[in-house]
Every structure is written in C-alpha cells, then in structure tokens.
Amino acid sequence: MTDHKTIKDHQAAERPVEKCMRMGPGALSDAELLAVIIRSGTKNETAVELSERILGLSGARYGLSALHHLSLPELRKLPGIGQVKAVQLQCLAEISRRMAKDAPSPGISMREPSLIARHFMEDMRHKEREELRVVFFDSRAQYIHDAVLFQGTVNSSLVSPREIFLEALRYQAVFLCLLHNHPSGSCRPSDEDIRFTERVREAGEMLSIRLVDHIIIAGKNWFSFREQRLL
C-alpha cells in the first residue's frame, strides 16, 4: 500500500490526466497542471492539494509564476517534495521563461521601446532584486551587444557611468539603452532613477555616445523615458 496520495486517488472525473485527455490542457487549473508534473502527493494530501500549497508559497504571487520565485531550499521544505521534484519544478520555470523569450519577435530596434521591453521582459520581470542591463547599438542603430552591469539598488551613488561607457567603448557602440527592473511591481521611475538617467546622459554626451532610452520593467508593464519625453 502506498504512503502517498496520487492523481489516481481523485474521482475519475477529477483526475488531471484523464481530464486533460477528455478536455485538453486548457481545461486544467494551475494546480492540476502542476499535479501532472509532480505525479504524487503525500500520505495526507493528493498531488493537486500539494500543488496548491506550492503555488501559494509566494503569497501575492499565487499561480504558476510563483515557481520563478521559489528556491530549492524553499521547495524542499515541503513534505512530499524531495530534491528531484524540487529540481524538476525549477526546470519547469526555466522552460517557461525560455519559451516566452523565444516567441517570434521582429527584433530589437532602438527606435521602438516596446520591442526592447518585450525582448528582455522575461529575463527581468521575475528578478527579486533590481538589475541594470545595458543594450548597445552601432552607428546604423543596429544591435551589437547587451550586458548586466549591476545587481542591487540602481541609483546614482552606487552605479557609476564609468562601467557603462567602458563597456560601450569596448564594443564601439554609438548609442545605448538602459533597462532595469522594479521588483516592487510599479514601473514608474523614482527620483533617483531620473537623477541616474541624467548622469548617464551627460556622460554620454562628453563621449559622443548617446543614451536613447531608459526602460523600467515591472511585471508585464514597462516605462520608457523616451516615450514620456524624459530624455
């Protein structure tokens, strides 16, 4: 006799696998989709019930996106989640991120803030800490390179434009775009964001490397300094 409740312990109409076969994966709830992956629960709860607890671990971030915010130690604290299942769940989150990023895109254009924001959104919107990424363009406005140059609070006292422009000179960039994320969920720039942007713009003018935009990403929302005429 097994010590863990499995998907088979549900009534036939409620089993996620059978439900998927009858109605398609779109009919399954987030917890049911996850239950198909983890397969078994614990002695006292089904795979679906365990999945519901996993998805609720991140509080306000309830749902499948919560997987992006759960570490291996946090997952392994749950009864019924061993090392292998914890790794499987983290790999599932990474697969979803890469699939979203690999969606067809017309490419990066420094003249289209929306294209830049969408291209980097999946890499940045799930971060727990702020990170500053810089995108470099050549004299024809073609994408050259991008790099994460800072992780932590992005402000003018901690982040020096020096590192940004050393990287720009390394790639012989003529234009650059700043991006950073707001884990708080609000994409509105702070006063410090505005001051930092002005410092970078001024430094760029001295080196003839133009700052074309600063884009702030928060969840699926974004804010462009260029579109809001702050640059």
Protein backbone atom coordinates (compact mmCIF):
# COMPACT_ATOMS: atom_id res chain seq x y z
CA MET A 1 0.00 0.00 0.00
CA THR A 2 1.40 3.40 -0.96
CA ASP A 3 2.08 6.12 1.63
CA HIS A 4 1.41 8.91 -0.86
CA LYS A 5 -1.82 10.02 -2.42
CA THR A 6 -1.52 10.12 -6.19
CA ILE A 7 -3.58 11.53 -9.01
CA LYS A 8 -5.38 8.17 -9.06
CA ASP A 9 -6.90 8.95 -5.67
CA HIS A 10 -9.20 11.50 -7.29
CA GLN A 11 -12.56 10.57 -8.67
CA ALA A 12 -12.20 9.71 -12.37
CA ALA A 13 -13.80 12.98 -13.50
CA GLU A 14 -11.38 14.96 -11.30
CA ARG A 15 -8.09 13.26 -12.22
CA PRO A 16 -5.93 15.80 -14.07
CA VAL A 17 -4.56 13.31 -16.60
CA GLU A 18 -7.97 11.96 -17.55
CA LYS A 19 -9.43 15.47 -17.52
CA CYS A 20 -6.70 16.61 -19.89
CA MET A 21 -7.36 13.68 -22.23
CA ARG A 22 -11.07 14.48 -22.31
CA MET A 23 -11.00 18.27 -22.40
CA GLY A 24 -7.46 19.33 -23.29
CA PRO A 25 -4.79 21.01 -21.12
CA GLY A 26 -6.60 24.35 -21.31
CA ALA A 27 -9.30 22.93 -19.05
CA LEU A 28 -6.88 22.23 -16.20
CA SER A 29 -6.29 24.64 -13.35
CA ASP A 30 -2.76 25.73 -12.47
CA ALA A 31 -2.68 23.22 -9.61
CA GLU A 32 -3.91 20.42 -11.86
CA LEU A 33 -1.26 21.17 -14.48
CA LEU A 34 1.42 21.08 -11.81
CA ALA A 35 -0.01 17.85 -10.36
CA VAL A 36 0.51 16.13 -13.70
CA ILE A 37 4.21 17.01 -13.39
CA ILE A 38 4.82 16.08 -9.74
CA ARG A 39 2.53 12.99 -10.02
CA SER A 40 2.24 12.15 -6.32
CA GLY A 41 1.36 13.93 -3.11
CA THR A 42 1.90 12.86 0.48
CA LYS A 43 0.21 10.50 2.88
CA ASN A 44 -2.31 13.17 3.79
CA GLU A 45 -2.84 15.06 0.55
CA THR A 46 -3.23 14.45 -3.16
CA ALA A 47 -0.88 15.72 -5.84
CA VAL A 48 -3.35 18.51 -6.62
CA GLU A 49 -3.53 19.59 -2.98
CA LEU A 50 0.27 19.60 -2.74
CA SER A 51 0.41 21.62 -5.95
CA GLU A 52 -1.97 24.19 -4.47
CA ARG A 53 0.36 24.60 -1.49
CA ILE A 54 3.38 25.02 -3.78
CA LEU A 55 1.63 27.72 -5.79
CA GLY A 56 0.67 29.54 -2.60
CA LEU A 57 4.19 29.71 -1.19
CA SER A 58 4.96 33.09 -2.72
CA GLY A 59 1.97 34.83 -1.17
CA ALA A 60 0.74 37.52 -3.57
CA ARG A 61 2.40 35.78 -6.49
CA TYR A 62 -0.03 32.86 -6.37
CA GLY A 63 -0.13 30.91 -9.60
CA LEU A 64 2.39 29.25 -11.88
CA SER A 65 4.55 32.38 -11.96
CA ALA A 66 5.28 31.67 -8.27
CA LEU A 67 7.68 28.96 -9.45
CA HIS A 68 10.05 31.68 -10.65
CA HIS A 69 10.41 32.95 -7.07
CA LEU A 70 10.94 29.69 -5.16
CA SER A 71 14.42 28.44 -4.31
CA LEU A 72 15.43 24.80 -3.98
CA PRO A 73 15.59 25.04 -0.15
CA GLU A 74 12.10 26.57 -0.03
CA LEU A 75 10.66 23.82 -2.21
CA ARG A 76 12.39 21.03 -0.28
CA LYS A 77 10.86 22.22 2.99
CA LEU A 78 7.51 20.98 1.72
CA PRO A 79 6.58 17.42 2.72
CA GLY A 80 6.41 15.36 -0.46
CA ILE A 81 8.99 17.48 -2.33
CA GLY A 82 12.42 15.89 -2.43
CA GLN A 83 15.49 17.04 -4.28
CA VAL A 84 14.44 15.57 -7.64
CA LYS A 85 10.96 17.12 -7.60
CA ALA A 86 12.38 20.46 -6.48
CA VAL A 87 14.82 20.44 -9.41
CA GLN A 88 12.02 19.42 -11.80
CA LEU A 89 9.93 22.40 -10.68
CA GLN A 90 12.81 24.84 -11.14
CA CYS A 91 13.49 23.39 -14.59
CA LEU A 92 9.81 23.80 -15.44
CA ALA A 93 10.01 27.51 -14.54
CA GLU A 94 13.13 27.91 -16.67
CA ILE A 95 11.49 26.15 -19.63
CA SER A 96 8.53 28.54 -19.43
CA ARG A 97 10.87 31.56 -19.30
CA ARG A 98 12.83 30.41 -22.35
CA MET A 99 9.70 29.58 -24.33
CA ALA A 100 8.29 33.05 -23.65
CA LYS A 101 11.57 34.70 -24.61
CA ASP A 102 11.89 32.65 -27.80
CA ALA A 103 8.49 33.76 -29.09
CA PRO A 104 8.72 35.26 -32.60
CA SER A 105 9.88 38.86 -32.44
CA PRO A 106 10.62 41.45 -35.11
CA GLY A 107 13.95 42.04 -33.32
CA ILE A 108 15.45 44.83 -31.28
CA SER A 109 15.22 48.35 -32.59
CA MET A 110 16.45 51.30 -30.57
CA ARG A 111 13.67 53.35 -32.18
CA GLU A 112 10.97 51.07 -30.72
CA PRO A 113 10.96 50.95 -26.90
CA SER A 114 8.20 48.34 -26.98
CA LEU A 115 10.41 45.89 -28.89
CA ILE A 116 13.27 46.31 -26.44
CA ALA A 117 10.97 45.94 -23.43
CA ARG A 118 9.30 42.79 -24.76
CA HIS A 119 12.61 41.21 -25.72
CA PHE A 120 14.10 41.49 -22.22
CA MET A 121 10.92 41.26 -20.16
CA GLU A 122 11.07 37.51 -19.47
CA ASP A 123 14.67 37.77 -18.32
CA MET A 124 14.00 40.65 -15.95
CA ARG A 125 10.44 40.65 -14.66
CA HIS A 126 10.85 37.71 -12.25
CA LYS A 127 14.01 39.01 -10.56
CA GLU A 128 13.80 39.52 -6.79
CA ARG A 129 16.49 42.22 -6.90
CA GLU A 130 16.99 45.15 -9.21
CA GLU A 131 19.42 44.66 -12.06
CA LEU A 132 20.76 47.13 -14.58
CA ARG A 133 21.16 45.92 -18.16
CA VAL A 134 22.64 48.00 -20.97
CA VAL A 135 21.94 47.44 -24.68
CA PHE A 136 24.48 48.74 -27.19
CA PHE A 137 23.86 49.84 -30.79
CA ASP A 138 26.20 50.81 -33.65
CA SER A 139 26.15 53.90 -35.86
CA ARG A 140 23.41 52.33 -38.02
CA ALA A 141 21.23 51.78 -34.95
CA GLN A 142 21.82 48.01 -35.17
CA TYR A 143 22.00 45.90 -32.03
CA ILE A 144 25.56 44.93 -31.02
CA HIS A 145 25.52 43.53 -27.50
CA ASP A 146 23.81 43.66 -24.12
CA ALA A 147 25.14 43.07 -20.63
CA VAL A 148 24.00 43.07 -17.00
CA LEU A 149 26.35 45.58 -15.35
CA PHE A 150 24.88 45.87 -11.89
CA GLN A 151 22.65 43.94 -9.47
CA GLY A 152 21.06 45.60 -6.47
CA THR A 153 19.50 49.02 -5.93
CA VAL A 154 20.06 51.07 -9.08
CA ASN A 155 20.94 54.61 -8.05
CA SER A 156 23.44 57.30 -8.92
CA SER A 157 25.52 56.85 -5.77
CA LEU A 158 26.14 53.12 -6.29
CA VAL A 159 26.27 52.74 -10.07
CA SER A 160 28.97 54.65 -11.89
CA PRO A 161 28.52 55.59 -15.56
CA ARG A 162 32.21 54.64 -15.93
CA GLU A 163 31.44 50.89 -16.16
CA ILE A 164 28.68 51.56 -18.68
CA PHE A 165 30.88 53.56 -21.02
CA LEU A 166 33.90 51.30 -20.69
CA GLU A 167 31.66 48.53 -22.00
CA ALA A 168 30.28 50.83 -24.71
CA LEU A 169 33.81 51.70 -25.89
CA ARG A 170 34.77 48.05 -25.85
CA TYR A 171 32.05 47.31 -28.42
CA GLN A 172 32.48 50.62 -30.27
CA ALA A 173 28.87 51.50 -29.53
CA VAL A 174 27.41 54.80 -30.67
CA PHE A 175 24.03 54.50 -28.94
CA LEU A 176 22.91 52.74 -25.77
CA CYS A 177 19.71 51.95 -23.89
CA LEU A 178 19.42 51.34 -20.15
CA LEU A 179 16.99 48.82 -18.71
CA HIS A 180 16.30 47.94 -15.13
CA ASN A 181 13.54 46.16 -13.25
CA HIS A 182 11.38 47.19 -10.32
CA PRO A 183 10.56 44.11 -8.19
CA SER A 184 8.05 46.28 -6.30
CA GLY A 185 5.66 45.98 -9.25
CA SER A 186 5.48 49.68 -10.13
CA CYS A 187 7.21 50.73 -13.33
CA ARG A 188 7.09 54.47 -12.52
CA PRO A 189 10.60 55.96 -12.19
CA SER A 190 11.76 57.16 -8.81
CA ASP A 191 13.52 60.50 -8.33
CA GLU A 192 16.76 58.51 -8.06
CA ASP A 193 16.03 56.79 -11.38
CA ILE A 194 15.64 60.20 -13.01
CA ARG A 195 18.87 61.54 -11.49
CA PHE A 196 20.81 58.43 -12.54
CA THR A 197 19.47 58.67 -16.09
CA GLU A 198 20.57 62.30 -16.32
CA ARG A 199 24.08 61.41 -15.12
CA VAL A 200 24.41 58.74 -17.79
CA ARG A 201 23.04 61.07 -20.48
CA GLU A 202 25.52 63.80 -19.56
CA ALA A 203 28.46 61.37 -19.50
CA GLY A 204 27.42 60.03 -22.89
CA GLU A 205 27.37 63.49 -24.42
CA MET A 206 31.02 64.02 -23.47
CA LEU A 207 31.98 60.76 -25.19
CA SER A 208 29.62 61.19 -28.18
CA ILE A 209 27.73 58.04 -27.13
CA ARG A 210 24.05 58.87 -26.97
CA LEU A 211 21.66 57.48 -24.38
CA VAL A 212 18.50 56.82 -26.42
CA ASP A 213 16.24 55.43 -23.69
CA HIS A 214 15.90 54.11 -20.15
CA ILE A 215 13.24 51.42 -19.81
CA ILE A 216 11.90 50.24 -16.47
CA ILE A 217 10.27 46.81 -16.36
CA ALA A 218 7.83 45.77 -13.62
CA GLY A 219 5.97 42.53 -14.18
CA LYS A 220 4.45 42.74 -17.65
CA ASN A 221 4.41 46.52 -17.60
CA TRP A 222 7.17 48.90 -18.67
CA PHE A 223 8.01 52.59 -18.71
CA SER A 224 10.06 54.35 -21.39
CA PHE A 225 11.85 57.61 -20.57
CA ARG A 226 11.94 58.35 -24.30
CA GLU A 227 8.21 57.87 -24.84
CA GLN A 228 7.43 60.00 -21.82
CA ARG A 229 9.80 62.71 -23.11
CA LEU A 230 12.11 62.47 -20.13
CA LEU A 231 15.05 62.07 -22.50
